[in-house]
Amino acid sequence: MHPKTRILAALVAATATAVGVLPGSAAPATAADVCDGLTAPVYDTVNPRTSAQLLTSWEGESINATSRYGFSEERGVLGYASTGKDSDAVAIYRMYNDKSVDFMWVTEDELTENEANGYTKMAVVNFYAAAEAGSCTVPIHRLTSGSHTRTASAAEVAPLEAGGWKDEGVVFHLARAATAARPTPTASPTPTTSVSPSASAKPSTAPAPTTTATATQEADTTFGLAVIPDTQAETNNAANTPFLNRVKWLADQKTSLDLAYVLHTGDMTNWGWLDAGQLARARAAMDVLADAGLPFSVAVGNHDTAVVGWDGITGSSGYGGSAYMYNPECPVKLGVDQCKSWLLVRNTDAFNKTFPVSEIKNLGGTFESDRIDNNWTTFSRNDTKWLVLTLELDPRDEVVDWAEQVVKAHPDHNVILQTHHYLSGSGAISSSNDGYGANSGKYIYDRIVSKYSNVKLVFSGHTGGFTKRTDTNDGNTVVAFLGNDLGGPTNNPVRVLSVDTKTGRVVSTVYNPIKNDVVATTSDTISIIRG
């Protein structure tokens, strides 16, 4: 059924002595060249009834497949891969054949050929393997038996051949797995979008993000962060389904992702101050996180303030614009003197009634005693201390003065800064104050981010899509992430980060819980302040 695997030239040349690989002349690359970044374990389980095999870099999916889908033959860790692409990585895709109930892992150049054989490409890249062999890697072979395929290390080929499997050659290389077997898994929550179990059911169609430690790390060196982008279009809909699905997924995955904190970068509502239902839906969604014991912080976006309004609600005068200062009803509701955008953007009364300061967990302080707009909180993980600093949109001078003092007073904390507008849609640090704010993202960068080495991560929304940038100042690397996606019935992305407090590696995965789909994955390294 499956023709002999076409091996990439670099793999062929580098693995001349491997079983099933054609000879070549190139010497193996060094471990440092090949295995840098290959730290995500690829778990291997088999369903003995159907002969289907599952490879996944998400331990939670492996556990669920074992407990719910009949993949009871646990084969440990096949090897180590990467969840993010670099110049030395080969993308490995997951394919599935409904007729034979069979999975296959293929390189990009095999997709068309195997689609013709009845396989369907599932979601996006499953993981990234080494582009060339090295002393730290193991060649991964594909074997076939009737209508089924099996992926195995070189050491497993001979036993499988003795059982009637045919070796089709090397497909890719992984970093060598530890010899110790995987510990017996504990119960893990299942995403809300998982398929219903049945005798022939397949596991979820895309790997969910993971913070599971690798075999070379201590078990407690990583923790997770989640960042929710603009949800204004979601709370504007009475069903609010995407928002609720997203937070329920985060609550369900609290343990498997080892979530320490959840951020929302603003525009939680469209114009909730005029439409109480939007704020009520926003509160109901965030209550799911609160009920799960997850601390969170919400930034105030322009759509969460009185600077934005609309006429499509009961009692409106019928004005058709969204800049509320021009709405004829503004002087009636708020008074003539207040109908200026640079004043309306600081009117967050309704938002603060919905999310009062008194309910913020681990609150360190606020700029104004009774307002959530500018606040800082703290948490600790793995002998490291973290400070989450949330700032208003395009902050005022006095707010930035206050924020600088907070950062300066906590040199032993790793600082996470969030504000609604910091990066532009292109990923540049924005120099705009939106025409009605006070200061830009560039001002925040100049006053705080570039000056203090304890600032590590910055999050914002407001514009563009999903992107990131890194800036290094006096040896301190800061990673800034932009997330702005207005969602929809089948689209509710959330950014999930795994932070390794030992190595400083930060893996970011944009994940869509409704589609059970990994949208994008990136990896960076920051320095971590310990003690």
Protein backbone atom coordinates (compact mmCIF):
# COMPACT_ATOMS: atom_id res chain seq x y z
CA MET A 1 0.00 0.00 0.00
CA HIS A 2 2.81 2.39 0.85
CA PRO A 3 5.78 2.88 -1.48
CA LYS A 4 9.27 3.14 -0.08
CA THR A 5 9.75 6.36 1.85
CA ARG A 6 11.58 9.11 0.02
CA ILE A 7 14.29 10.19 2.41
CA LEU A 8 15.55 13.77 2.40
CA ALA A 9 19.03 13.97 0.96
CA ALA A 10 20.50 15.41 4.12
CA LEU A 11 19.12 12.54 6.17
CA VAL A 12 20.34 9.94 3.69
CA ALA A 13 23.89 11.25 3.64
CA ALA A 14 24.13 11.68 7.38
CA THR A 15 22.93 8.22 8.39
CA ALA A 16 24.90 5.88 6.16
CA THR A 17 25.10 3.10 8.70
CA ALA A 18 21.47 3.21 9.83
CA VAL A 19 19.15 0.33 9.03
CA GLY A 20 17.35 0.83 5.72
CA VAL A 21 19.25 4.02 4.73
CA LEU A 22 21.21 4.40 1.53
CA PRO A 23 24.98 5.08 1.88
CA GLY A 24 26.40 8.59 1.72
CA SER A 25 29.55 10.50 2.48
CA ALA A 26 28.58 13.33 4.81
CA ALA A 27 29.68 13.07 8.44
CA PRO A 28 27.03 13.28 11.14
CA ALA A 29 26.40 16.74 12.52
CA THR A 30 27.32 17.46 16.12
CA ALA A 31 24.81 17.07 18.90
CA ALA A 32 24.92 20.81 19.56
CA ASP A 33 23.95 21.49 15.93
CA VAL A 34 21.20 18.91 15.65
CA CYS A 35 19.58 18.57 19.05
CA ASP A 36 19.33 22.19 20.15
CA GLY A 37 15.63 22.80 20.69
CA LEU A 38 14.62 19.12 20.47
CA THR A 39 13.19 19.01 23.99
CA ALA A 40 9.53 18.03 23.49
CA PRO A 41 8.95 14.33 24.23
CA VAL A 42 7.12 12.38 21.52
CA TYR A 43 4.93 9.85 23.32
CA ASP A 44 4.24 6.53 21.57
CA THR A 45 1.09 4.48 22.22
CA VAL A 46 -0.59 1.71 20.22
CA ASN A 47 -4.16 0.43 20.07
CA PRO A 48 -3.66 -3.35 20.05
CA ARG A 49 -7.17 -3.99 18.74
CA THR A 50 -6.90 -1.77 15.64
CA SER A 51 -3.06 -1.72 15.33
CA ALA A 52 -3.28 2.09 15.12
CA GLN A 53 -0.35 4.00 16.57
CA LEU A 54 -0.44 7.48 18.11
CA LEU A 55 2.57 9.80 18.33
CA THR A 56 2.05 13.06 20.18
CA SER A 57 4.16 15.68 21.93
CA TRP A 58 1.27 16.41 24.31
CA GLU A 59 1.25 14.03 27.26
CA GLY A 60 -2.38 14.87 27.96
CA GLU A 61 -3.40 13.55 24.55
CA SER A 62 -1.39 10.38 25.10
CA ILE A 63 -3.03 9.84 28.47
CA ASN A 64 -6.50 10.44 27.08
CA ALA A 65 -5.84 8.08 24.17
CA THR A 66 -4.77 5.43 26.67
CA SER A 67 -7.73 5.86 28.99
CA ARG A 68 -10.49 6.62 26.49
CA TYR A 69 -9.60 5.39 23.01
CA GLY A 70 -8.02 2.00 23.56
CA PHE A 71 -4.38 2.96 23.00
CA SER A 72 -3.42 0.79 25.96
CA GLU A 73 0.03 -0.30 24.75
CA GLU A 74 2.31 2.42 26.14
CA ARG A 75 5.69 2.39 24.43
CA GLY A 76 7.22 5.31 26.32
CA VAL A 77 8.99 8.22 24.62
CA LEU A 78 10.02 7.55 21.03
CA GLY A 79 12.38 10.51 21.03
CA TYR A 80 12.46 14.29 21.41
CA ALA A 81 11.22 16.79 18.84
CA SER A 82 10.56 20.52 18.66
CA THR A 83 7.19 22.26 18.72
CA GLY A 84 8.60 25.26 16.87
CA LYS A 85 10.30 25.52 13.49
CA ASP A 86 13.88 26.62 13.01
CA SER A 87 16.29 26.44 10.08
CA ASP A 88 17.34 22.88 10.96
CA ALA A 89 13.85 21.44 11.42
CA VAL A 90 11.74 19.14 9.26
CA ALA A 91 7.97 19.48 9.60
CA ILE A 92 6.21 16.22 10.47
CA TYR A 93 2.49 16.04 9.67
CA ARG A 94 -0.12 13.71 11.11
CA MET A 95 -2.36 11.94 8.59
CA TYR A 96 -5.35 9.68 9.22
CA ASN A 97 -7.14 7.05 7.17
CA ASP A 98 -10.78 6.66 8.23
CA LYS A 99 -11.20 3.43 6.29
CA SER A 100 -8.29 1.56 7.86
CA VAL A 101 -8.37 3.50 11.18
CA ASP A 102 -4.68 4.22 10.76
CA PHE A 103 -2.38 7.14 11.54
CA MET A 104 0.76 8.03 9.61
CA TRP A 105 3.49 10.62 10.25
CA VAL A 106 4.94 12.10 7.09
CA THR A 107 7.20 14.84 5.78
CA GLU A 108 5.73 17.57 3.61
CA ASP A 109 6.81 16.01 0.32
CA GLU A 110 4.80 12.85 1.16
CA LEU A 111 1.46 14.57 1.72
CA THR A 112 0.10 14.42 -1.83
CA GLU A 113 1.16 10.81 -2.37
CA ASN A 114 -0.52 9.59 0.80
CA GLU A 115 -3.67 11.65 0.24
CA ALA A 116 -4.06 9.60 -2.94
CA ASN A 117 -3.83 6.48 -0.75
CA GLY A 118 -6.79 7.58 1.38
CA TYR A 119 -5.02 9.53 4.11
CA THR A 120 -6.10 13.02 5.19
CA LYS A 121 -3.73 15.65 6.58
CA MET A 122 -4.93 16.55 10.06
CA ALA A 123 -4.69 20.16 11.27
CA VAL A 124 -1.17 21.59 11.10
CA VAL A 125 2.38 20.47 11.77
CA ASN A 126 2.40 17.79 14.48
CA PHE A 127 6.01 18.44 15.52
CA TYR A 128 9.41 19.22 14.02
CA ALA A 129 12.19 16.63 13.72
CA ALA A 130 15.91 17.02 13.09
CA ALA A 131 16.85 17.80 9.49
CA GLU A 132 20.04 15.76 9.79
CA ALA A 133 21.37 12.97 11.97
CA GLY A 134 23.86 13.36 14.78
CA SER A 135 25.37 11.49 17.67
CA CYS A 136 22.42 12.57 19.81
CA THR A 137 19.70 11.41 17.41
CA VAL A 138 17.99 8.16 16.53
CA PRO A 139 16.61 7.37 13.04
CA ILE A 140 12.85 6.84 12.97
CA HIS A 141 11.63 4.20 10.51
CA ARG A 142 8.25 3.56 8.93
CA LEU A 143 7.06 -0.03 8.72
CA THR A 144 3.95 -1.43 7.06
CA SER A 145 1.75 -4.45 7.63
CA GLY A 146 -1.29 -4.77 5.42
CA SER A 147 -3.21 -1.49 5.62
CA HIS A 148 -1.39 -0.26 8.74
CA THR A 149 1.78 1.68 9.34
CA ARG A 150 4.06 1.79 12.35
CA THR A 151 6.72 4.34 13.24
CA ALA A 152 9.66 2.95 15.23
CA SER A 153 13.25 3.59 16.27
CA ALA A 154 16.03 1.59 14.62
CA ALA A 155 16.28 -0.68 17.66
CA GLU A 156 12.62 -1.67 17.27
CA VAL A 157 12.82 -2.57 13.58
CA ALA A 158 14.08 -6.16 13.92
CA PRO A 159 11.40 -7.26 16.43
CA LEU A 160 8.68 -5.74 14.28
CA GLU A 161 10.06 -7.40 11.13
CA ALA A 162 9.99 -10.70 12.99
CA GLY A 163 6.29 -10.06 13.56
CA GLY A 164 5.62 -9.57 9.86
CA TRP A 165 6.12 -5.83 9.47
CA LYS A 166 8.06 -4.54 6.44
CA ASP A 167 10.66 -1.81 6.92
CA GLU A 168 10.09 1.05 4.44
CA GLY A 169 13.12 3.07 5.59
CA VAL A 170 13.90 6.17 7.65
CA VAL A 171 11.39 9.01 7.67
CA PHE A 172 12.97 11.48 10.12
CA HIS A 173 15.31 11.74 13.13
CA LEU A 174 14.52 12.57 16.77
CA ALA A 175 16.79 13.37 19.68
CA ARG A 176 17.53 10.17 21.55
CA ALA A 177 15.02 9.25 24.25
CA ALA A 178 16.02 8.44 27.80
CA THR A 179 16.12 4.74 28.54
CA ALA A 180 13.75 5.07 31.49
CA ALA A 181 10.12 4.34 30.74
CA ARG A 182 7.54 7.07 31.09
CA PRO A 183 6.03 7.22 34.59
CA THR A 184 2.53 5.88 34.93
CA PRO A 185 0.30 8.79 33.84
CA THR A 186 -2.22 10.38 36.13
CA ALA A 187 -5.69 11.49 35.15
CA SER A 188 -5.76 14.46 32.81
CA PRO A 189 -8.67 16.69 31.81
CA THR A 190 -9.99 16.30 28.30
CA PRO A 191 -10.50 19.33 26.01
CA THR A 192 -14.13 20.24 25.49
CA THR A 193 -13.75 19.60 21.77
CA SER A 194 -12.53 15.99 21.99
CA VAL A 195 -14.38 13.49 19.84
CA SER A 196 -16.78 11.06 21.47
CA PRO A 197 -15.10 7.78 22.39
CA SER A 198 -15.95 4.66 20.44
CA ALA A 199 -14.28 1.40 19.57
CA SER A 200 -12.62 2.90 16.51
CA ALA A 201 -12.47 6.54 17.57
CA LYS A 202 -9.32 8.51 16.97
CA PRO A 203 -7.78 10.95 19.45
CA SER A 204 -8.09 14.71 18.95
CA THR A 205 -6.85 15.87 15.58
CA ALA A 206 -4.17 18.29 16.71
CA PRO A 207 -1.62 18.34 19.54
CA ALA A 208 -2.61 20.67 22.35
CA PRO A 209 0.12 22.84 23.84
CA THR A 210 2.08 21.33 26.68
CA THR A 211 4.22 22.42 29.59
CA THR A 212 5.33 18.90 30.45
CA ALA A 213 9.00 18.78 31.46
CA THR A 214 11.41 16.79 29.32
CA ALA A 215 13.54 13.93 30.61
CA THR A 216 16.51 16.28 30.97
CA GLN A 217 14.68 18.72 33.22
CA GLU A 218 13.41 18.65 36.76
CA ALA A 219 9.73 17.82 36.94
CA ASP A 220 8.89 21.24 38.37
CA THR A 221 10.89 23.57 36.12
CA THR A 222 8.04 24.65 33.81
CA PHE A 223 4.74 26.44 34.27
CA GLY A 224 2.07 27.76 31.93
CA LEU A 225 0.63 31.16 31.11
CA ALA A 226 -2.45 31.79 28.97
CA VAL A 227 -3.27 35.03 27.15
CA ILE A 228 -6.76 35.74 25.82
CA PRO A 229 -6.95 38.22 22.90
CA ASP A 230 -9.71 40.76 22.10
CA THR A 231 -13.12 39.19 22.73
CA GLN A 232 -15.31 42.19 21.82
CA ALA A 233 -17.13 40.34 19.02
CA GLU A 234 -17.76 37.38 21.30
CA THR A 235 -19.39 39.22 24.20
CA ASN A 236 -21.33 41.27 21.64
CA ASN A 237 -23.10 38.01 20.78
CA ALA A 238 -25.69 36.85 23.31
CA ALA A 239 -24.52 33.24 22.98
CA ASN A 240 -20.91 34.17 23.80
CA THR A 241 -19.99 30.61 22.78
CA PRO A 242 -16.35 31.12 21.66
CA PHE A 243 -15.40 32.98 24.86
CA LEU A 244 -17.07 30.41 27.11
CA ASN A 245 -15.55 27.52 25.20
CA ARG A 246 -12.10 29.05 25.52
CA VAL A 247 -12.22 29.64 29.28
CA LYS A 248 -13.79 26.24 29.94
CA TRP A 249 -10.95 24.66 27.97
CA LEU A 250 -8.40 26.58 30.05
CA ALA A 251 -10.10 25.52 33.27
CA ASP A 252 -10.15 21.89 32.09
CA GLN A 253 -6.47 22.06 31.15
CA LYS A 254 -5.36 23.83 34.34
CA THR A 255 -3.38 20.81 35.53
CA SER A 256 -2.06 19.47 32.23
CA LEU A 257 -0.83 22.93 31.20
CA ASP A 258 0.27 23.73 34.77
CA LEU A 259 -1.35 27.15 34.41
CA ALA A 260 -0.12 29.73 36.88
CA TYR A 261 -1.86 32.81 35.48
CA VAL A 262 -4.26 33.98 32.75
CA LEU A 263 -4.11 37.40 31.09
CA HIS A 264 -6.68 39.20 28.95
CA THR A 265 -5.17 42.01 26.89
CA GLY A 266 -8.33 44.11 26.58
CA ASP A 267 -11.37 44.88 24.43
CA MET A 268 -13.24 42.31 26.44
CA THR A 269 -16.46 43.98 25.29
CA ASN A 270 -17.50 46.02 22.27
CA TRP A 271 -19.21 48.84 24.18
CA GLY A 272 -20.18 47.17 27.39
CA TRP A 273 -20.64 50.43 29.25
CA LEU A 274 -23.71 51.08 27.06
CA ASP A 275 -24.85 47.46 26.86
CA ALA A 276 -24.85 45.78 30.27
CA GLY A 277 -25.35 42.37 28.68
CA GLN A 278 -21.85 42.49 27.17
CA LEU A 279 -20.24 43.07 30.55
CA ALA A 280 -22.41 40.38 32.10
CA ARG A 281 -21.25 37.88 29.49
CA ALA A 282 -17.63 38.94 30.02
CA ARG A 283 -18.01 38.45 33.75
CA ALA A 284 -19.64 35.04 33.31
CA ALA A 285 -16.72 33.92 31.16
CA MET A 286 -14.03 35.12 33.55
CA ASP A 287 -15.93 33.58 36.48
CA VAL A 288 -15.17 30.19 34.92
CA LEU A 289 -11.48 30.90 35.51
CA ALA A 290 -12.13 32.23 39.01
CA ASP A 291 -14.13 29.13 39.90
CA ALA A 292 -11.23 26.98 38.69
CA GLY A 293 -8.89 28.85 41.05
CA LEU A 294 -6.95 30.48 38.21
CA PRO A 295 -5.66 33.98 38.98
CA PHE A 296 -6.12 36.44 36.13
CA SER A 297 -5.64 40.07 35.18
CA VAL A 298 -7.61 42.03 32.58
CA ALA A 299 -6.32 45.04 30.66
CA VAL A 300 -8.76 47.78 29.71
CA GLY A 301 -9.11 48.24 25.95
CA ASN A 302 -10.58 51.22 24.14
CA HIS A 303 -13.81 49.26 23.58
CA ASP A 304 -14.06 48.76 27.34
CA THR A 305 -14.19 52.54 27.88
CA ALA A 306 -16.69 55.27 27.03
CA VAL A 307 -14.56 56.43 24.10
CA VAL A 308 -16.41 53.87 21.93
CA GLY A 309 -20.20 53.78 21.66
CA TRP A 310 -22.89 52.72 19.24
CA ASP A 311 -26.55 53.31 18.53
CA GLY A 312 -27.72 49.72 18.13
CA ILE A 313 -29.12 49.35 21.65
CA THR A 314 -32.41 50.14 23.34
CA GLY A 315 -32.71 53.81 24.24
CA SER A 316 -30.10 55.02 21.77
CA SER A 317 -30.75 58.19 19.79
CA GLY A 318 -29.92 56.45 16.50
CA TYR A 319 -26.49 57.93 15.82
CA GLY A 320 -24.43 55.74 13.45
CA GLY A 321 -20.83 56.36 14.54
CA SER A 322 -18.61 54.59 17.07
CA ALA A 323 -16.57 57.56 18.38
CA TYR A 324 -18.92 58.46 21.19
CA MET A 325 -17.81 62.07 21.54
CA TYR A 326 -19.66 62.82 18.29
CA ASN A 327 -22.84 61.05 19.31
CA PRO A 328 -25.67 63.54 19.95
CA GLU A 329 -26.68 61.55 23.02
CA CYS A 330 -23.24 62.01 24.67
CA PRO A 331 -23.98 65.47 26.17
CA VAL A 332 -27.32 64.17 27.40
CA LYS A 333 -25.85 61.09 29.09
CA LEU A 334 -22.52 62.45 30.30
CA GLY A 335 -22.54 66.25 30.01
CA VAL A 336 -20.97 68.49 27.39
CA ASP A 337 -17.67 68.83 29.24
CA GLN A 338 -17.09 65.05 29.25
CA CYS A 339 -17.66 64.50 25.53
CA LYS A 340 -14.01 64.54 24.52
CA SER A 341 -12.27 61.31 23.53
CA TRP A 342 -9.22 61.93 25.72
CA LEU A 343 -11.58 62.09 28.71
CA LEU A 344 -13.95 59.33 27.60
CA VAL A 345 -11.05 56.87 27.25
CA ARG A 346 -10.49 57.18 31.01
CA ASN A 347 -14.17 56.59 31.81
CA THR A 348 -14.10 52.97 32.92
CA ASP A 349 -16.75 53.12 35.64
CA ALA A 350 -18.92 50.32 34.24
CA PHE A 351 -15.92 48.06 33.67
CA ASN A 352 -14.72 48.61 37.24
CA LYS A 353 -18.14 47.79 38.66
CA THR A 354 -18.02 44.49 36.80
CA PHE A 355 -14.40 43.71 37.72
CA PRO A 356 -13.77 45.44 41.06
CA VAL A 357 -10.31 45.83 42.55
CA SER A 358 -11.45 43.94 45.64
CA GLU A 359 -11.63 40.69 43.66
CA ILE A 360 -8.10 40.74 42.24
CA LYS A 361 -6.06 37.84 43.58
CA ASN A 362 -2.60 38.51 45.05
CA LEU A 363 -2.97 42.24 44.49
CA GLY A 364 0.20 44.19 45.14
CA GLY A 365 -1.09 47.68 44.39
CA THR A 366 -3.00 50.01 42.09
CA PHE A 367 -2.40 53.46 40.66
CA GLU A 368 -5.85 54.56 41.84
CA SER A 369 -7.18 52.83 44.92
CA ASP A 370 -10.60 51.91 43.54
CA ARG A 371 -9.79 51.19 39.90
CA ILE A 372 -8.53 48.09 38.10
CA ASP A 373 -7.11 50.04 35.13
CA ASN A 374 -3.54 50.05 36.48
CA ASN A 375 -2.55 47.34 38.93
CA TRP A 376 0.12 44.81 39.78
CA THR A 377 -0.12 41.30 41.18
CA THR A 378 2.40 38.60 42.01
CA PHE A 379 2.80 34.83 41.92
CA SER A 380 5.64 32.37 42.51
CA ARG A 381 6.68 29.21 40.68
CA ASN A 382 9.70 26.93 41.00
CA ASP A 383 11.74 29.24 43.27
CA THR A 384 11.07 32.21 40.99
CA LYS A 385 8.94 35.28 41.68
CA TRP A 386 6.77 36.95 39.04
CA LEU A 387 5.05 40.33 38.90
CA VAL A 388 2.20 41.01 36.46
CA LEU A 389 1.93 44.74 35.70
CA THR A 390 -1.27 45.78 33.90
CA LEU A 391 -1.45 49.29 32.42
CA GLU A 392 -4.24 51.36 30.91
CA LEU A 393 -4.47 52.00 27.15
CA ASP A 394 -1.88 54.55 25.94
CA PRO A 395 -1.05 55.42 29.56
CA ARG A 396 -0.76 58.87 31.08
CA ASP A 397 2.62 60.25 32.21
CA GLU A 398 1.78 59.83 35.87
CA VAL A 399 0.76 56.20 35.30
CA VAL A 400 4.07 55.42 33.62
CA ASP A 401 5.89 57.15 36.50
CA TRP A 402 4.04 54.88 38.93
CA ALA A 403 4.68 51.77 36.83
CA GLU A 404 8.39 52.52 36.64
CA GLN A 405 8.58 52.73 40.41
CA VAL A 406 6.79 49.38 40.75
CA VAL A 407 9.28 47.67 38.41
CA LYS A 408 12.24 49.40 40.04
CA ALA A 409 11.12 48.35 43.52
CA HIS A 410 10.98 44.64 42.60
CA PRO A 411 14.37 43.73 41.10
CA ASP A 412 13.97 40.15 42.36
CA HIS A 413 10.74 39.62 40.36
CA ASN A 414 10.45 38.64 36.71
CA VAL A 415 8.05 41.24 35.31
CA ILE A 416 5.24 40.48 32.87
CA LEU A 417 3.76 43.68 31.44
CA GLN A 418 0.39 43.82 29.69
CA THR A 419 -1.43 46.71 28.12
CA HIS A 420 -3.97 46.88 25.32
CA HIS A 421 -1.75 48.67 22.77
CA TYR A 422 2.02 48.12 22.64
CA LEU A 423 2.88 46.47 19.31
CA SER A 424 1.57 47.57 15.94
CA GLY A 425 0.03 45.08 13.52
CA SER A 426 3.43 44.58 11.86
CA GLY A 427 5.06 43.64 15.16
CA ALA A 428 6.88 46.95 15.59
CA ILE A 429 6.73 48.82 18.89
CA SER A 430 3.94 51.29 18.25
CA SER A 431 4.63 55.03 18.26
CA SER A 432 0.90 55.88 18.16
CA ASN A 433 -1.26 56.97 21.07
CA ASP A 434 -4.40 56.30 18.98
CA GLY A 435 -5.17 60.00 18.76
CA TYR A 436 -6.89 60.19 22.13
CA GLY A 437 -4.49 58.44 24.51
CA ALA A 438 -1.51 59.98 26.25
CA ASN A 439 1.56 57.87 25.44
CA SER A 440 2.52 55.14 22.98
CA GLY A 441 4.06 51.70 23.30
CA LYS A 442 7.39 53.27 22.37
CA TYR A 443 7.13 55.51 25.42
CA ILE A 444 6.55 52.46 27.64
CA TYR A 445 9.54 50.77 25.99
CA ASP A 446 11.81 53.78 26.51
CA ARG A 447 10.76 54.42 30.11
CA ILE A 448 10.44 50.86 31.42
CA VAL A 449 11.05 47.90 29.09
CA SER A 450 14.46 49.00 27.82
CA LYS A 451 15.68 50.28 31.19
CA TYR A 452 14.93 47.45 33.63
CA SER A 453 16.44 44.01 33.22
CA ASN A 454 13.70 42.35 35.28
CA VAL A 455 11.14 43.00 32.51
CA LYS A 456 10.85 39.71 30.59
CA LEU A 457 7.53 39.48 28.71
CA VAL A 458 5.10 42.03 27.24
CA PHE A 459 1.58 41.26 25.98
CA SER A 460 -0.84 43.41 23.97
CA GLY A 461 -3.76 43.24 21.55
CA HIS A 462 -5.81 45.98 19.80
CA THR A 463 -4.54 45.58 16.24
CA GLY A 464 -3.14 43.11 13.70
CA GLY A 465 -3.24 39.36 14.33
CA PHE A 466 -0.74 37.13 16.15
CA THR A 467 2.95 37.98 16.09
CA LYS A 468 5.91 38.63 18.38
CA ARG A 469 9.22 40.45 18.57
CA THR A 470 12.34 40.24 20.72
CA ASP A 471 14.43 43.14 22.01
CA THR A 472 17.74 42.84 23.84
CA ASN A 473 19.03 45.60 26.08
CA ASP A 474 22.32 45.22 27.98
CA GLY A 475 22.05 41.46 27.62
CA ASN A 476 18.42 41.19 28.76
CA THR A 477 16.05 39.72 26.18
CA VAL A 478 12.40 40.82 26.27
CA VAL A 479 9.80 38.97 24.21
CA ALA A 480 6.70 40.98 23.25
CA PHE A 481 3.61 39.15 21.98
CA LEU A 482 0.68 40.58 20.02
CA GLY A 483 -2.65 38.77 19.95
CA ASN A 484 -5.71 40.24 18.27
CA ASP A 485 -8.31 38.00 16.70
CA LEU A 486 -11.99 38.85 16.95
CA GLY A 487 -13.00 35.22 16.96
CA GLY A 488 -16.14 33.66 15.57
CA PRO A 489 -18.35 30.58 15.81
CA THR A 490 -15.44 28.26 14.97
CA ASN A 491 -12.53 30.50 15.92
CA ASN A 492 -11.46 31.27 19.49
CA PRO A 493 -7.66 31.38 19.69
CA VAL A 494 -5.74 31.60 22.94
CA ARG A 495 -2.00 31.93 23.39
CA VAL A 496 -0.53 29.37 25.79
CA LEU A 497 3.06 29.73 26.95
CA SER A 498 5.33 27.22 28.63
CA VAL A 499 8.02 28.95 30.69
CA ASP A 500 10.99 26.89 31.82
CA THR A 501 12.41 28.54 34.92
CA LYS A 502 15.62 26.48 34.66
CA THR A 503 16.60 27.15 31.04
CA GLY A 504 14.58 30.32 30.33
CA ARG A 505 12.97 28.71 27.29
CA VAL A 506 9.58 30.22 26.46
CA VAL A 507 7.44 28.21 24.04
CA SER A 508 4.33 30.02 22.76
CA THR A 509 1.49 28.11 21.12
CA VAL A 510 -1.56 29.80 19.62
CA TYR A 511 -4.32 27.24 20.01
CA ASN A 512 -7.95 27.13 18.86
CA PRO A 513 -9.97 25.06 21.38
CA ILE A 514 -13.10 24.93 19.21
CA LYS A 515 -11.23 23.40 16.27
CA ASN A 516 -8.73 21.62 18.52
CA ASP A 517 -6.12 23.14 16.25
CA VAL A 518 -2.61 24.48 16.85
CA VAL A 519 -2.36 27.71 14.85
CA ALA A 520 1.30 28.59 15.42
CA THR A 521 4.21 27.80 17.73
CA THR A 522 7.35 29.82 18.50
CA SER A 523 10.25 29.48 20.92
CA ASP A 524 12.50 32.04 22.62
CA THR A 525 14.91 32.14 25.52
CA ILE A 526 14.93 34.72 28.30
CA SER A 527 17.05 35.01 31.44
CA ILE A 528 15.21 34.10 34.63
CA ILE A 529 15.75 35.84 37.96
CA ARG A 530 15.86 33.23 40.71
CA GLY A 531 15.61 33.37 44.47
